[in-house]
Amino acid sequence: MTVARCKLYLALSLVQTGHLASARCIVEQQYLLACSAPVLDTRLISMCLGIWAKLKYDYHKRRKENERRDKITTSKFCQHYL
């Protein structure tokens, strides 16, 4: 389980650097591992859920930034041609 915890710290680092897809894969794998282990490690499951929450927040934040950027780009384009 120590290796799983290290992988979760790696996933957290990936989230912080913007590599969300890679982080998602790691968190999903470790969560499935933690849930299927013979001895339930609640700390590991809690870590997975916490990183998953941060991942969801960062996905949401990225989507909002992209929408805002698209809206600005579209309005500049329209102003140029009107």
PDB file of N, CA and C in Angstrom:
ATOM      1  N   MET A   1       0.805  -1.199   0.000  1.00  0.00           N
ATOM      2  CA  MET A   1       0.000   0.000   0.000  1.00  0.00           C
ATOM      3  C   MET A   1       0.852   1.269   0.000  1.00  0.00           C
ATOM      4  N   THR A   2       2.108   1.151   0.400  1.00  0.00           N
ATOM      5  CA  THR A   2       2.989   2.317   0.384  1.00  0.00           C
ATOM      6  C   THR A   2       3.231   2.791  -1.047  1.00  0.00           C
ATOM      7  N   VAL A   3       3.376   1.852  -1.965  1.00  0.00           N
ATOM      8  CA  VAL A   3       3.584   2.201  -3.367  1.00  0.00           C
ATOM      9  C   VAL A   3       2.342   2.907  -3.912  1.00  0.00           C
ATOM     10  N   ALA A   4       1.175   2.450  -3.514  1.00  0.00           N
ATOM     11  CA  ALA A   4      -0.070   3.080  -3.955  1.00  0.00           C
ATOM     12  C   ALA A   4      -0.135   4.524  -3.478  1.00  0.00           C
ATOM     13  N   ARG A   5       0.291   4.762  -2.248  1.00  0.00           N
ATOM     14  CA  ARG A   5       0.291   6.120  -1.712  1.00  0.00           C
ATOM     15  C   ARG A   5       1.265   7.004  -2.491  1.00  0.00           C
ATOM     16  N   CYS A   6       2.411   6.472  -2.850  1.00  0.00           N
ATOM     17  CA  CYS A   6       3.385   7.228  -3.654  1.00  0.00           C
ATOM     18  C   CYS A   6       2.799   7.573  -5.027  1.00  0.00           C
ATOM     19  N   LYS A   7       2.084   6.636  -5.617  1.00  0.00           N
ATOM     20  CA  LYS A   7       1.461   6.898  -6.912  1.00  0.00           C
ATOM     21  C   LYS A   7       0.407   7.997  -6.792  1.00  0.00           C
ATOM     22  N   LEU A   8      -0.286   8.032  -5.663  1.00  0.00           N
ATOM     23  CA  LEU A   8      -1.278   9.093  -5.470  1.00  0.00           C
ATOM     24  C   LEU A   8      -0.603  10.457  -5.325  1.00  0.00           C
ATOM     25  N   TYR A   9       0.547  10.498  -4.667  1.00  0.00           N
ATOM     26  CA  TYR A   9       1.290  11.764  -4.594  1.00  0.00           C
ATOM     27  C   TYR A   9       1.755  12.191  -5.991  1.00  0.00           C
ATOM     28  N   LEU A  10       2.129  11.225  -6.808  1.00  0.00           N
ATOM     29  CA  LEU A  10       2.475  11.517  -8.203  1.00  0.00           C
ATOM     30  C   LEU A  10       1.261  12.082  -8.931  1.00  0.00           C
ATOM     31  N   ALA A  11       0.101  11.474  -8.722  1.00  0.00           N
ATOM     32  CA  ALA A  11      -1.124  11.954  -9.362  1.00  0.00           C
ATOM     33  C   ALA A  11      -1.438  13.384  -8.929  1.00  0.00           C
ATOM     34  N   LEU A  12      -1.250  13.689  -7.664  1.00  0.00           N
ATOM     35  CA  LEU A  12      -1.484  15.046  -7.173  1.00  0.00           C
ATOM     36  C   LEU A  12      -0.542  16.030  -7.850  1.00  0.00           C
ATOM     37  N   SER A  13       0.704  15.631  -8.018  1.00  0.00           N
ATOM     38  CA  SER A  13       1.674  16.474  -8.711  1.00  0.00           C
ATOM     39  C   SER A  13       1.253  16.692 -10.163  1.00  0.00           C
ATOM     40  N   LEU A  14       0.751  15.650 -10.810  1.00  0.00           N
ATOM     41  CA  LEU A  14       0.299  15.770 -12.195  1.00  0.00           C
ATOM     42  C   LEU A  14      -0.895  16.718 -12.306  1.00  0.00           C
ATOM     43  N   VAL A  15      -1.791  16.659 -11.338  1.00  0.00           N
ATOM     44  CA  VAL A  15      -2.933  17.582 -11.337  1.00  0.00           C
ATOM     45  C   VAL A  15      -2.424  19.011 -11.229  1.00  0.00           C
ATOM     46  N   GLN A  16      -1.481  19.238 -10.347  1.00  0.00           N
ATOM     47  CA  GLN A  16      -0.960  20.583 -10.124  1.00  0.00           C
ATOM     48  C   GLN A  16      -0.226  21.129 -11.341  1.00  0.00           C
ATOM     49  N   THR A  17       0.326  20.244 -12.165  1.00  0.00           N
ATOM     50  CA  THR A  17       1.032  20.693 -13.365  1.00  0.00           C
ATOM     51  C   THR A  17       0.148  20.659 -14.612  1.00  0.00           C
ATOM     52  N   GLY A  18      -1.122  20.284 -14.445  1.00  0.00           N
ATOM     53  CA  GLY A  18      -2.063  20.337 -15.547  1.00  0.00           C
ATOM     54  C   GLY A  18      -2.204  19.073 -16.365  1.00  0.00           C
ATOM     55  N   HIS A  19      -1.591  17.992 -15.951  1.00  0.00           N
ATOM     56  CA  HIS A  19      -1.692  16.719 -16.672  1.00  0.00           C
ATOM     57  C   HIS A  19      -2.849  15.908 -16.081  1.00  0.00           C
ATOM     58  N   LEU A  20      -4.064  16.367 -16.378  1.00  0.00           N
ATOM     59  CA  LEU A  20      -5.241  15.835 -15.717  1.00  0.00           C
ATOM     60  C   LEU A  20      -5.588  14.413 -16.148  1.00  0.00           C
ATOM     61  N   ALA A  21      -5.413  14.093 -17.408  1.00  0.00           N
ATOM     62  CA  ALA A  21      -5.776  12.761 -17.901  1.00  0.00           C
ATOM     63  C   ALA A  21      -4.895  11.680 -17.267  1.00  0.00           C
ATOM     64  N   SER A  22      -3.604  11.935 -17.168  1.00  0.00           N
ATOM     65  CA  SER A  22      -2.694  10.967 -16.545  1.00  0.00           C
ATOM     66  C   SER A  22      -3.025  10.790 -15.071  1.00  0.00           C
ATOM     67  N   ALA A  23      -3.317  11.900 -14.405  1.00  0.00           N
ATOM     68  CA  ALA A  23      -3.665  11.843 -12.983  1.00  0.00           C
ATOM     69  C   ALA A  23      -4.942  11.046 -12.780  1.00  0.00           C
ATOM     70  N   ARG A  24      -5.889  11.236 -13.680  1.00  0.00           N
ATOM     71  CA  ARG A  24      -7.163  10.519 -13.561  1.00  0.00           C
ATOM     72  C   ARG A  24      -6.949   9.004 -13.627  1.00  0.00           C
ATOM     73  N   CYS A  25      -6.122   8.568 -14.551  1.00  0.00           N
ATOM     74  CA  CYS A  25      -5.849   7.128 -14.690  1.00  0.00           C
ATOM     75  C   CYS A  25      -5.237   6.558 -13.413  1.00  0.00           C
ATOM     76  N   ILE A  26      -4.280   7.275 -12.866  1.00  0.00           N
ATOM     77  CA  ILE A  26      -3.604   6.800 -11.649  1.00  0.00           C
ATOM     78  C   ILE A  26      -4.587   6.719 -10.488  1.00  0.00           C
ATOM     79  N   VAL A  27      -5.398   7.755 -10.308  1.00  0.00           N
ATOM     80  CA  VAL A  27      -6.346   7.774  -9.184  1.00  0.00           C
ATOM     81  C   VAL A  27      -7.362   6.647  -9.323  1.00  0.00           C
ATOM     82  N   GLU A  28      -7.873   6.445 -10.526  1.00  0.00           N
ATOM     83  CA  GLU A  28      -8.836   5.359 -10.744  1.00  0.00           C
ATOM     84  C   GLU A  28      -8.219   3.997 -10.430  1.00  0.00           C
ATOM     85  N   GLN A  29      -6.993   3.769 -10.906  1.00  0.00           N
ATOM     86  CA  GLN A  29      -6.331   2.490 -10.655  1.00  0.00           C
ATOM     87  C   GLN A  29      -6.114   2.259  -9.164  1.00  0.00           C
ATOM     88  N   GLN A  30      -5.658   3.276  -8.468  1.00  0.00           N
ATOM     89  CA  GLN A  30      -5.371   3.117  -7.047  1.00  0.00           C
ATOM     90  C   GLN A  30      -6.647   2.960  -6.225  1.00  0.00           C
ATOM     91  N   TYR A  31      -7.716   3.611  -6.652  1.00  0.00           N
ATOM     92  CA  TYR A  31      -8.988   3.469  -5.949  1.00  0.00           C
ATOM     93  C   TYR A  31      -9.511   2.044  -6.095  1.00  0.00           C
ATOM     94  N   LEU A  32      -9.456   1.517  -7.326  1.00  0.00           N
ATOM     95  CA  LEU A  32      -9.900   0.142  -7.545  1.00  0.00           C
ATOM     96  C   LEU A  32      -9.043  -0.838  -6.751  1.00  0.00           C
ATOM     97  N   LEU A  33      -7.740  -0.580  -6.698  1.00  0.00           N
ATOM     98  CA  LEU A  33      -6.834  -1.432  -5.923  1.00  0.00           C
ATOM     99  C   LEU A  33      -7.199  -1.384  -4.440  1.00  0.00           C
ATOM    100  N   ALA A  34      -7.448  -0.191  -3.928  1.00  0.00           N
ATOM    101  CA  ALA A  34      -7.756  -0.027  -2.500  1.00  0.00           C
ATOM    102  C   ALA A  34      -9.081  -0.695  -2.140  1.00  0.00           C
ATOM    103  N   CYS A  35     -10.046  -0.610  -3.036  1.00  0.00           N
ATOM    104  CA  CYS A  35     -11.357  -1.203  -2.751  1.00  0.00           C
ATOM    105  C   CYS A  35     -11.352  -2.724  -2.870  1.00  0.00           C
ATOM    106  N   SER A  36     -10.468  -3.260  -3.693  1.00  0.00           N
ATOM    107  CA  SER A  36     -10.440  -4.708  -3.897  1.00  0.00           C
ATOM    108  C   SER A  36      -9.411  -5.417  -3.017  1.00  0.00           C
ATOM    109  N   ALA A  37      -8.680  -4.676  -2.205  1.00  0.00           N
ATOM    110  CA  ALA A  37      -7.665  -5.282  -1.334  1.00  0.00           C
ATOM    111  C   ALA A  37      -8.334  -6.123  -0.254  1.00  0.00           C
ATOM    112  N   PRO A  38      -7.657  -7.178   0.193  1.00  0.00           N
ATOM    113  CA  PRO A  38      -8.230  -8.027   1.251  1.00  0.00           C
ATOM    114  C   PRO A  38      -8.484  -7.248   2.557  1.00  0.00           C
ATOM    115  N   VAL A  39      -7.591  -6.326   2.863  1.00  0.00           N
ATOM    116  CA  VAL A  39      -7.763  -5.477   4.041  1.00  0.00           C
ATOM    117  C   VAL A  39      -8.082  -4.076   3.536  1.00  0.00           C
ATOM    118  N   LEU A  40      -9.224  -3.554   3.930  1.00  0.00           N
ATOM    119  CA  LEU A  40      -9.666  -2.253   3.451  1.00  0.00           C
ATOM    120  C   LEU A  40      -8.822  -1.152   4.085  1.00  0.00           C
ATOM    121  N   ASP A  41      -8.143  -0.373   3.232  1.00  0.00           N
ATOM    122  CA  ASP A  41      -7.306   0.727   3.702  1.00  0.00           C
ATOM    123  C   ASP A  41      -8.104   2.023   3.524  1.00  0.00           C
ATOM    124  N   THR A  42      -8.771   2.455   4.585  1.00  0.00           N
ATOM    125  CA  THR A  42      -9.631   3.628   4.495  1.00  0.00           C
ATOM    126  C   THR A  42      -8.829   4.899   4.234  1.00  0.00           C
ATOM    127  N   ARG A  43      -7.602   4.944   4.722  1.00  0.00           N
ATOM    128  CA  ARG A  43      -6.769   6.128   4.478  1.00  0.00           C
ATOM    129  C   ARG A  43      -6.464   6.265   2.988  1.00  0.00           C
ATOM    130  N   LEU A  44      -6.145   5.166   2.347  1.00  0.00           N
ATOM    131  CA  LEU A  44      -5.848   5.185   0.914  1.00  0.00           C
ATOM    132  C   LEU A  44      -7.098   5.577   0.112  1.00  0.00           C
ATOM    133  N   ILE A  45      -8.245   5.059   0.511  1.00  0.00           N
ATOM    134  CA  ILE A  45      -9.493   5.405  -0.165  1.00  0.00           C
ATOM    135  C   ILE A  45      -9.786   6.894   0.012  1.00  0.00           C
ATOM    136  N   SER A  46      -9.561   7.410   1.204  1.00  0.00           N
ATOM    137  CA  SER A  46      -9.783   8.842   1.454  1.00  0.00           C
ATOM    138  C   SER A  46      -8.847   9.700   0.620  1.00  0.00           C
ATOM    139  N   MET A  47      -7.600   9.271   0.480  1.00  0.00           N
ATOM    140  CA  MET A  47      -6.655  10.006  -0.361  1.00  0.00           C
ATOM    141  C   MET A  47      -7.142  10.023  -1.811  1.00  0.00           C
ATOM    142  N   CYS A  48      -7.605   8.886  -2.294  1.00  0.00           N
ATOM    143  CA  CYS A  48      -8.115   8.810  -3.671  1.00  0.00           C
ATOM    144  C   CYS A  48      -9.289   9.766  -3.859  1.00  0.00           C
ATOM    145  N   LEU A  49     -10.209   9.775  -2.913  1.00  0.00           N
ATOM    146  CA  LEU A  49     -11.384  10.631  -3.027  1.00  0.00           C
ATOM    147  C   LEU A  49     -11.010  12.110  -2.958  1.00  0.00           C
ATOM    148  N   GLY A  50     -10.037  12.448  -2.137  1.00  0.00           N
ATOM    149  CA  GLY A  50      -9.595  13.827  -2.039  1.00  0.00           C
ATOM    150  C   GLY A  50      -8.931  14.313  -3.315  1.00  0.00           C
ATOM    151  N   ILE A  51      -8.074  13.486  -3.886  1.00  0.00           N
ATOM    152  CA  ILE A  51      -7.409  13.862  -5.135  1.00  0.00           C
ATOM    153  C   ILE A  51      -8.425  13.900  -6.271  1.00  0.00           C
ATOM    154  N   TRP A  52      -9.405  12.997  -6.230  1.00  0.00           N
ATOM    155  CA  TRP A  52     -10.461  13.000  -7.235  1.00  0.00           C
ATOM    156  C   TRP A  52     -11.251  14.312  -7.176  1.00  0.00           C
ATOM    157  N   ALA A  53     -11.520  14.795  -5.971  1.00  0.00           N
ATOM    158  CA  ALA A  53     -12.242  16.065  -5.814  1.00  0.00           C
ATOM    159  C   ALA A  53     -11.429  17.221  -6.400  1.00  0.00           C
ATOM    160  N   LYS A  54     -10.136  17.225  -6.150  1.00  0.00           N
ATOM    161  CA  LYS A  54      -9.273  18.281  -6.714  1.00  0.00           C
ATOM    162  C   LYS A  54      -9.238  18.173  -8.236  1.00  0.00           C
ATOM    163  N   LEU A  55      -9.192  16.962  -8.738  1.00  0.00           N
ATOM    164  CA  LEU A  55      -9.189  16.731 -10.182  1.00  0.00           C
ATOM    165  C   LEU A  55     -10.478  17.262 -10.814  1.00  0.00           C
ATOM    166  N   LYS A  56     -11.622  16.986 -10.201  1.00  0.00           N
ATOM    167  CA  LYS A  56     -12.894  17.494 -10.699  1.00  0.00           C
ATOM    168  C   LYS A  56     -12.913  19.022 -10.693  1.00  0.00           C
ATOM    169  N   TYR A  57     -12.401  19.610  -9.632  1.00  0.00           N
ATOM    170  CA  TYR A  57     -12.352  21.067  -9.537  1.00  0.00           C
ATOM    171  C   TYR A  57     -11.490  21.649 -10.653  1.00  0.00           C
ATOM    172  N   ASP A  58     -10.329  21.044 -10.898  1.00  0.00           N
ATOM    173  CA  ASP A  58      -9.426  21.557 -11.938  1.00  0.00           C
ATOM    174  C   ASP A  58     -10.025  21.380 -13.335  1.00  0.00           C
ATOM    175  N   TYR A  59     -10.736  20.262 -13.584  1.00  0.00           N
ATOM    176  CA  TYR A  59     -11.430  20.089 -14.857  1.00  0.00           C
ATOM    177  C   TYR A  59     -12.474  21.191 -15.034  1.00  0.00           C
ATOM    178  N   HIS A  60     -13.245  21.459 -13.980  1.00  0.00           N
ATOM    179  CA  HIS A  60     -14.275  22.487 -14.032  1.00  0.00           C
ATOM    180  C   HIS A  60     -13.653  23.865 -14.285  1.00  0.00           C
ATOM    181  N   LYS A  61     -12.567  24.153 -13.575  1.00  0.00           N
ATOM    182  CA  LYS A  61     -11.885  25.437 -13.733  1.00  0.00           C
ATOM    183  C   LYS A  61     -11.345  25.596 -15.151  1.00  0.00           C
ATOM    184  N   ARG A  62     -10.770  24.541 -15.695  1.00  0.00           N
ATOM    185  CA  ARG A  62     -10.233  24.592 -17.057  1.00  0.00           C
ATOM    186  C   ARG A  62     -11.354  24.823 -18.070  1.00  0.00           C
ATOM    187  N   ARG A  63     -12.483  24.151 -17.884  1.00  0.00           N
ATOM    188  CA  ARG A  63     -13.603  24.311 -18.800  1.00  0.00           C
ATOM    189  C   ARG A  63     -14.136  25.746 -18.756  1.00  0.00           C
ATOM    190  N   LYS A  64     -14.242  26.326 -17.559  1.00  0.00           N
ATOM    191  CA  LYS A  64     -14.713  27.708 -17.429  1.00  0.00           C
ATOM    192  C   LYS A  64     -13.734  28.682 -18.095  1.00  0.00           C
ATOM    193  N   GLU A  65     -12.438  28.460 -17.929  1.00  0.00           N
ATOM    194  CA  GLU A  65     -11.431  29.318 -18.569  1.00  0.00           C
ATOM    195  C   GLU A  65     -11.533  29.227 -20.089  1.00  0.00           C
ATOM    196  N   ASN A  66     -11.739  28.026 -20.609  1.00  0.00           N
ATOM    197  CA  ASN A  66     -11.869  27.854 -22.058  1.00  0.00           C
ATOM    198  C   ASN A  66     -13.122  28.544 -22.583  1.00  0.00           C
ATOM    199  N   GLU A  67     -14.229  28.430 -21.844  1.00  0.00           N
ATOM    200  CA  GLU A  67     -15.457  29.108 -22.257  1.00  0.00           C
ATOM    201  C   GLU A  67     -15.260  30.619 -22.265  1.00  0.00           C
ATOM    202  N   ARG A  68     -14.606  31.142 -21.237  1.00  0.00           N
ATOM    203  CA  ARG A  68     -14.364  32.574 -21.141  1.00  0.00           C
ATOM    204  C   ARG A  68     -13.469  33.042 -22.295  1.00  0.00           C
ATOM    205  N   ARG A  69     -12.420  32.279 -22.573  1.00  0.00           N
ATOM    206  CA  ARG A  69     -11.504  32.622 -23.652  1.00  0.00           C
ATOM    207  C   ARG A  69     -12.214  32.576 -25.002  1.00  0.00           C
ATOM    208  N   ASP A  70     -13.060  31.569 -25.209  1.00  0.00           N
ATOM    209  CA  ASP A  70     -13.800  31.465 -26.469  1.00  0.00           C
ATOM    210  C   ASP A  70     -14.760  32.635 -26.634  1.00  0.00           C
ATOM    211  N   LYS A  71     -15.384  33.040 -25.540  1.00  0.00           N
ATOM    212  CA  LYS A  71     -16.321  34.156 -25.602  1.00  0.00           C
ATOM    213  C   LYS A  71     -15.589  35.449 -25.959  1.00  0.00           C
ATOM    214  N   ILE A  72     -14.420  35.654 -25.383  1.00  0.00           N
ATOM    215  CA  ILE A  72     -13.627  36.853 -25.679  1.00  0.00           C
ATOM    216  C   ILE A  72     -13.167  36.839 -27.131  1.00  0.00           C
ATOM    217  N   THR A  73     -12.686  35.704 -27.586  1.00  0.00           N
ATOM    218  CA  THR A  73     -12.219  35.579 -28.967  1.00  0.00           C
ATOM    219  C   THR A  73     -13.360  35.826 -29.948  1.00  0.00           C
ATOM    220  N   THR A  74     -14.522  35.269 -29.662  1.00  0.00           N
ATOM    221  CA  THR A  74     -15.676  35.444 -30.540  1.00  0.00           C
ATOM    222  C   THR A  74     -16.108  36.903 -30.586  1.00  0.00           C
ATOM    223  N   SER A  75     -16.134  37.557 -29.428  1.00  0.00           N
ATOM    224  CA  SER A  75     -16.563  38.959 -29.413  1.00  0.00           C
ATOM    225  C   SER A  75     -15.562  39.843 -30.158  1.00  0.00           C
ATOM    226  N   LYS A  76     -14.275  39.566 -30.051  1.00  0.00           N
ATOM    227  CA  LYS A  76     -13.277  40.345 -30.794  1.00  0.00           C
ATOM    228  C   LYS A  76     -13.432  40.118 -32.294  1.00  0.00           C
ATOM    229  N   PHE A  77     -13.708  38.872 -32.679  1.00  0.00           N
ATOM    230  CA  PHE A  77     -13.901  38.537 -34.086  1.00  0.00           C
ATOM    231  C   PHE A  77     -15.108  39.275 -34.631  1.00  0.00           C
ATOM    232  N   CYS A  78     -16.201  39.268 -33.883  1.00  0.00           N
ATOM    233  CA  CYS A  78     -17.430  39.928 -34.341  1.00  0.00           C
ATOM    234  C   CYS A  78     -17.222  41.436 -34.438  1.00  0.00           C
ATOM    235  N   GLN A  79     -16.542  42.050 -33.502  1.00  0.00           N
ATOM    236  CA  GLN A  79     -16.318  43.485 -33.526  1.00  0.00           C
ATOM    237  C   GLN A  79     -15.462  43.879 -34.737  1.00  0.00           C
ATOM    238  N   HIS A  80     -14.528  43.030 -35.087  1.00  0.00           N
ATOM    239  CA  HIS A  80     -13.639  43.313 -36.206  1.00  0.00           C
ATOM    240  C   HIS A  80     -14.404  43.373 -37.532  1.00  0.00           C
ATOM    241  N   TYR A  81     -15.389  42.493 -37.680  1.00  0.00           N
ATOM    242  CA  TYR A  81     -16.108  42.391 -38.945  1.00  0.00           C
ATOM    243  C   TYR A  81     -17.398  43.199 -38.976  1.00  0.00           C
ATOM    244  N   LEU A  82     -17.739  43.851 -37.881  1.00  0.00           N
ATOM    245  CA  LEU A  82     -18.978  44.670 -37.896  1.00  0.00           C
ATOM    246  C   LEU A  82     -18.700  46.100 -38.171  1.00  0.00           C
TER     247      LEU A  82
END
